Amino acid sequence: MIPSSFDYVRAGSIEEAIHLMHESNGEGKFLAGGHSLLPLMKFRLTNPGVLIDISQITELRGVRKEGNRLVVGALTTHRALYQDALVQAHIPVLGEAARTIGDLQVRNKGTVGGNLAHADSAADLPGVALALEAIVEVHGEDGKEAMEVEGFFLGPLVTALSETSVLTSVSFLIPPPHTRSVYLKYAHPASGYAVVGVCAIAGVDEGGRIDFVRIGINGAADIAYRAASVEQALLGEQPTEETIRQASLLAAEDGEIGHDLFASESYRRHLCQVYTERALRQILLET
């Protein structure tokens, strides 16, 4: 399908982008990689009067380490993310998830900020961002603001990002060095989107008990969520097959599990349990 007519402008800085959005009187949309926005425009699910291209703002690209976090510029592409040396060294699961996104064209042009700002639960990064306790930085007319990603996702395709603000970076927690991590997903056979995706990070202390565990799940519910019930069931326990199995049965308890023509609610609940168990077995029991 062909989208409705629109105007196009290119912003050279964050400040100019915010100004242009303000001038659009609610009719503007930011354009970065375009892989989330343009399909919506073609289906006429959104009809912006003006596209504000922010793709050439170089300060919004790249990865840097700040303390115990990696800060990723919002315009960093998925390909650049999984090829980055800092990501590979400190948060390999982030690159692992980025490598599963879409196809080569999507990974070459799609951006980290656009993926999270689109707030599609079936995307791969929201669950990983939750497990890594991500913080998004937003620039608006009133200055900068930092938001925890757990409060950033409000609903399907809805975030706490105001209409005149732009997401500029995302910082991800670097897990403790003794932990292991993995991202597993059951992909829809047609689209490649996650029917259920599980990001698991866990570590065992010197006494043989689990002292760190984070689990983010995307695809199963209207918004990605932390599987806090599983985390609480595992913390302080020894990582046995039975402990993992019992904890994984709680994987769907913290989200409002959805359904569609491809997968029922009960099937998605089952997949949450199965993939959580697989992920935890892989990082806690396999050598």
Protein backbone atom coordinates (compact mmCIF):
# COMPACT_ATOMS: atom_id res chain seq x y z
CA MET A 1 0.00 0.00 0.00
CA ILE A 2 0.99 3.63 -0.46
CA PRO A 3 1.08 5.96 2.57
CA SER A 4 -0.73 9.28 2.74
CA SER A 5 1.17 12.32 1.50
CA PHE A 6 3.61 13.95 3.93
CA ASP A 7 6.33 16.57 4.12
CA TYR A 8 9.96 15.68 4.81
CA VAL A 9 12.65 17.61 6.70
CA ARG A 10 16.07 16.57 7.96
CA ALA A 11 17.34 17.62 11.39
CA GLY A 12 21.02 18.33 11.90
CA SER A 13 20.99 18.25 15.71
CA ILE A 14 18.91 17.07 18.64
CA GLU A 15 17.84 20.63 19.34
CA GLU A 16 16.72 21.16 15.76
CA ALA A 17 14.80 17.89 15.79
CA ILE A 18 12.89 18.92 18.92
CA HIS A 19 12.19 22.36 17.45
CA LEU A 20 10.90 20.84 14.19
CA MET A 21 8.66 18.47 16.12
CA HIS A 22 7.25 21.38 18.13
CA GLU A 23 6.60 23.30 14.90
CA SER A 24 4.71 20.35 13.43
CA ASN A 25 1.82 20.94 15.86
CA GLY A 26 1.42 17.27 16.64
CA GLU A 27 1.62 16.17 12.99
CA GLY A 28 5.26 15.07 13.01
CA LYS A 29 7.03 11.74 13.43
CA PHE A 30 10.73 11.10 13.88
CA LEU A 31 12.33 8.95 11.19
CA ALA A 32 15.47 6.95 12.03
CA GLY A 33 15.82 3.54 10.37
CA GLY A 34 12.17 3.53 9.35
CA HIS A 35 11.60 -0.21 9.67
CA SER A 36 8.89 0.24 12.31
CA LEU A 37 7.34 3.52 11.13
CA LEU A 38 7.08 2.98 7.38
CA PRO A 39 5.04 -0.25 7.53
CA LEU A 40 2.53 1.53 9.79
CA MET A 41 2.35 4.38 7.29
CA LYS A 42 1.80 2.00 4.38
CA PHE A 43 -1.08 0.35 6.21
CA ARG A 44 -2.42 3.84 7.06
CA LEU A 45 -2.26 3.01 10.78
CA THR A 46 -0.43 6.29 11.25
CA ASN A 47 -0.55 9.32 8.94
CA PRO A 48 2.06 11.89 9.93
CA GLY A 49 1.95 15.25 8.18
CA VAL A 50 5.73 15.56 8.31
CA LEU A 51 8.62 13.14 8.74
CA ILE A 52 11.55 14.58 10.68
CA ASP A 53 14.65 12.65 9.65
CA ILE A 54 17.11 12.31 12.54
CA SER A 55 19.26 9.61 10.90
CA GLN A 56 22.20 11.96 10.23
CA ILE A 57 22.67 13.16 13.82
CA THR A 58 26.06 11.55 14.44
CA GLU A 59 26.08 12.17 18.20
CA LEU A 60 23.28 9.62 18.53
CA ARG A 61 25.48 6.75 17.34
CA GLY A 62 28.02 4.52 19.05
CA VAL A 63 28.66 2.60 22.27
CA ARG A 64 30.62 3.73 25.30
CA LYS A 65 31.25 2.35 28.79
CA GLU A 66 30.27 4.44 31.81
CA GLY A 67 30.88 2.72 35.14
CA ASN A 68 28.94 -0.55 35.24
CA ARG A 69 26.85 0.32 32.18
CA LEU A 70 27.14 0.44 28.41
CA VAL A 71 25.54 3.50 26.87
CA VAL A 72 24.25 2.90 23.36
CA GLY A 73 23.31 5.80 21.09
CA ALA A 74 19.72 5.61 19.88
CA LEU A 75 20.76 5.58 16.21
CA THR A 76 23.16 2.68 16.64
CA THR A 77 22.06 0.01 14.18
CA HIS A 78 21.46 -3.59 15.19
CA ARG A 79 24.42 -4.68 13.08
CA ALA A 80 26.72 -2.11 14.67
CA LEU A 81 25.51 -3.26 18.08
CA TYR A 82 26.41 -6.92 17.70
CA GLN A 83 29.71 -6.06 16.01
CA ASP A 84 30.79 -3.65 18.75
CA ALA A 85 33.79 -4.79 20.79
CA LEU A 86 32.45 -3.37 24.07
CA VAL A 87 29.15 -5.22 23.63
CA GLN A 88 30.96 -8.46 22.83
CA ALA A 89 33.21 -8.08 25.87
CA HIS A 90 30.69 -6.93 28.48
CA ILE A 91 27.12 -7.80 27.41
CA PRO A 92 27.29 -10.51 24.72
CA VAL A 93 23.60 -11.36 25.15
CA LEU A 94 22.72 -7.87 23.87
CA GLY A 95 24.57 -8.53 20.65
CA GLU A 96 23.18 -12.06 20.50
CA ALA A 97 19.63 -10.69 20.57
CA ALA A 98 20.41 -7.97 18.01
CA ARG A 99 21.73 -10.62 15.64
CA THR A 100 18.31 -12.35 15.62
CA ILE A 101 16.37 -9.24 14.60
CA GLY A 102 14.68 -9.34 11.20
CA ASP A 103 16.85 -9.87 8.14
CA LEU A 104 20.09 -8.34 6.91
CA GLN A 105 18.42 -5.19 5.60
CA VAL A 106 16.63 -4.59 8.89
CA ARG A 107 19.79 -5.16 10.92
CA ASN A 108 21.73 -2.77 8.66
CA LYS A 109 19.26 0.12 8.98
CA GLY A 110 17.06 -0.55 12.02
CA THR A 111 18.13 1.22 15.20
CA VAL A 112 18.19 0.40 18.90
CA GLY A 113 16.26 3.54 19.83
CA GLY A 114 13.64 2.98 17.17
CA ASN A 115 13.15 -0.63 18.25
CA LEU A 116 12.47 0.35 21.87
CA ALA A 117 10.48 3.50 21.07
CA HIS A 118 8.17 1.44 18.85
CA ALA A 119 7.30 -0.70 21.92
CA ASP A 120 6.36 -3.82 19.99
CA SER A 121 6.30 -6.67 22.51
CA ALA A 122 7.16 -9.14 19.74
CA ALA A 123 10.43 -7.30 19.03
CA ASP A 124 13.57 -8.84 20.49
CA LEU A 125 15.15 -5.95 22.39
CA PRO A 126 12.41 -5.09 24.94
CA GLY A 127 12.83 -8.31 26.94
CA VAL A 128 16.61 -7.99 26.85
CA ALA A 129 16.38 -4.35 27.92
CA LEU A 130 14.27 -5.35 30.92
CA ALA A 131 16.68 -8.10 31.97
CA LEU A 132 19.56 -5.63 31.68
CA GLU A 133 17.70 -2.97 33.70
CA ALA A 134 17.98 -0.49 30.83
CA ILE A 135 17.59 3.25 31.30
CA VAL A 136 16.49 5.39 28.35
CA GLU A 137 17.59 9.00 28.03
CA VAL A 138 15.07 11.35 26.47
CA HIS A 139 15.56 14.93 25.27
CA GLY A 140 12.58 17.24 25.11
CA GLU A 141 11.67 20.89 25.26
CA ASP A 142 12.28 20.89 29.03
CA GLY A 143 15.71 19.25 28.80
CA LYS A 144 16.98 15.73 29.50
CA GLU A 145 15.18 13.00 31.38
CA ALA A 146 16.19 9.44 32.31
CA MET A 147 13.51 6.73 32.49
CA GLU A 148 13.75 3.14 33.65
CA VAL A 149 12.66 0.93 30.79
CA GLU A 150 10.23 -0.98 33.02
CA GLY A 151 8.09 2.16 33.25
CA PHE A 152 8.80 3.23 29.69
CA PHE A 153 6.58 0.61 28.02
CA LEU A 154 2.95 1.51 28.68
CA GLY A 155 1.10 -0.69 26.21
CA PRO A 156 1.23 -2.13 22.69
CA LEU A 157 3.11 0.48 20.60
CA VAL A 158 2.72 3.00 23.45
CA THR A 159 5.54 4.44 25.57
CA ALA A 160 6.09 7.25 28.06
CA LEU A 161 7.89 9.23 25.34
CA SER A 162 6.10 12.53 24.77
CA GLU A 163 5.24 13.69 21.25
CA THR A 164 7.89 16.40 21.24
CA SER A 165 10.70 14.35 22.80
CA VAL A 166 13.34 12.19 21.17
CA LEU A 167 15.00 9.09 22.64
CA THR A 168 18.73 9.77 22.47
CA SER A 169 20.43 6.83 24.20
CA VAL A 170 19.88 3.63 26.15
CA SER A 171 22.17 2.41 28.91
CA PHE A 172 22.34 -1.27 29.82
CA LEU A 173 23.59 -2.79 33.07
CA ILE A 174 26.78 -4.83 32.72
CA PRO A 175 26.00 -8.09 34.57
CA PRO A 176 28.42 -9.31 37.26
CA PRO A 177 31.42 -11.14 35.76
CA HIS A 178 30.47 -14.52 37.23
CA THR A 179 27.11 -14.61 35.43
CA ARG A 180 26.15 -16.19 32.13
CA SER A 181 23.39 -15.08 29.79
CA VAL A 182 21.37 -16.18 26.80
CA TYR A 183 18.50 -15.02 24.59
CA LEU A 184 16.21 -17.71 23.17
CA LYS A 185 13.08 -17.21 21.13
CA TYR A 186 10.38 -19.13 19.35
CA ALA A 187 10.09 -17.12 16.15
CA HIS A 188 6.95 -16.76 14.10
CA PRO A 189 7.68 -18.76 10.92
CA ALA A 190 6.46 -16.00 8.61
CA SER A 191 7.67 -12.78 10.24
CA GLY A 192 10.58 -13.86 12.43
CA TYR A 193 9.09 -11.86 15.31
CA ALA A 194 9.14 -13.51 18.72
CA VAL A 195 6.05 -15.47 19.63
CA VAL A 196 7.94 -15.80 22.90
CA GLY A 197 11.46 -14.58 23.60
CA VAL A 198 13.35 -15.11 26.87
CA CYS A 199 16.48 -13.30 28.01
CA ALA A 200 18.00 -14.98 31.07
CA ILE A 201 21.02 -13.84 33.09
CA ALA A 202 22.14 -15.76 36.17
CA GLY A 203 25.15 -16.52 38.34
CA VAL A 204 26.10 -18.77 41.23
CA ASP A 205 28.14 -17.71 44.28
CA GLU A 206 31.06 -19.61 45.78
CA GLY A 207 28.64 -21.54 47.99
CA GLY A 208 26.85 -22.96 44.98
CA ARG A 209 23.69 -20.88 45.28
CA ILE A 210 22.12 -18.54 42.75
CA ASP A 211 22.96 -14.98 43.81
CA PHE A 212 21.98 -13.09 40.66
CA VAL A 213 19.13 -13.71 38.25
CA ARG A 214 17.28 -11.53 35.74
CA ILE A 215 14.67 -12.72 33.24
CA GLY A 216 12.94 -10.60 30.61
CA ILE A 217 10.18 -11.99 28.40
CA ASN A 218 8.88 -10.47 25.16
CA GLY A 219 6.29 -11.57 22.64
CA ALA A 220 3.99 -13.35 25.07
CA ALA A 221 2.12 -10.36 26.50
CA ASP A 222 0.96 -6.97 25.25
CA ILE A 223 4.14 -5.49 26.72
CA ALA A 224 7.45 -7.14 27.59
CA TYR A 225 7.87 -7.92 31.27
CA ARG A 226 10.30 -9.05 33.95
CA ALA A 227 9.54 -12.57 35.18
CA ALA A 228 9.97 -11.50 38.80
CA SER A 229 8.23 -14.61 40.17
CA VAL A 230 10.85 -16.84 38.53
CA GLU A 231 13.67 -14.65 39.80
CA GLN A 232 12.38 -14.77 43.37
CA ALA A 233 11.92 -18.54 43.23
CA LEU A 234 15.54 -19.04 42.16
CA LEU A 235 17.40 -16.50 44.26
CA GLY A 236 19.36 -18.21 47.03
CA GLU A 237 18.63 -21.71 45.70
CA GLN A 238 21.00 -24.31 44.32
CA PRO A 239 20.68 -24.63 40.51
CA THR A 240 19.25 -28.14 40.20
CA GLU A 241 17.08 -29.44 37.38
CA GLU A 242 14.08 -29.62 39.70
CA THR A 243 14.59 -26.11 41.08
CA ILE A 244 14.79 -24.71 37.56
CA ARG A 245 11.77 -26.69 36.39
CA GLN A 246 9.59 -25.55 39.27
CA ALA A 247 10.66 -21.91 38.95
CA SER A 248 10.05 -21.93 35.19
CA LEU A 249 6.42 -22.88 35.76
CA LEU A 250 5.97 -19.29 37.01
CA ALA A 251 7.30 -17.69 33.82
CA ALA A 252 3.90 -16.43 32.62
CA GLU A 253 2.68 -15.17 36.00
CA ASP A 254 3.96 -11.60 35.72
CA GLY A 255 2.56 -10.66 32.32
CA GLU A 256 -0.91 -10.33 30.83
CA ILE A 257 -0.47 -13.06 28.27
CA GLY A 258 -2.05 -12.37 24.89
CA HIS A 259 -3.34 -14.47 22.02
CA ASP A 260 -3.80 -14.27 18.26
CA LEU A 261 -4.63 -16.53 15.32
CA PHE A 262 -1.19 -18.13 15.47
CA ALA A 263 -0.84 -18.81 19.21
CA SER A 264 -3.47 -19.07 21.93
CA GLU A 265 -2.95 -17.76 25.45
CA SER A 266 -2.41 -21.27 26.84
CA TYR A 267 0.15 -22.04 24.12
CA ARG A 268 2.04 -18.83 24.85
CA ARG A 269 2.02 -19.64 28.56
CA HIS A 270 3.46 -23.04 27.76
CA LEU A 271 6.16 -21.50 25.55
CA CYS A 272 7.11 -19.06 28.33
CA GLN A 273 7.69 -21.98 30.68
CA VAL A 274 9.55 -24.10 28.12
CA TYR A 275 11.88 -21.37 26.89
CA THR A 276 12.58 -20.05 30.37
CA GLU A 277 13.54 -23.55 31.48
CA ARG A 278 15.74 -24.04 28.42
CA ALA A 279 17.48 -20.71 28.96
CA LEU A 280 18.12 -21.33 32.65
CA ARG A 281 19.35 -24.86 32.06
CA GLN A 282 21.75 -23.56 29.44
CA ILE A 283 23.35 -20.91 31.65
CA LEU A 284 23.18 -22.68 35.02
CA LEU A 285 23.67 -26.39 34.29
CA GLU A 286 25.46 -26.77 30.96
CA THR A 287 29.21 -26.27 30.74
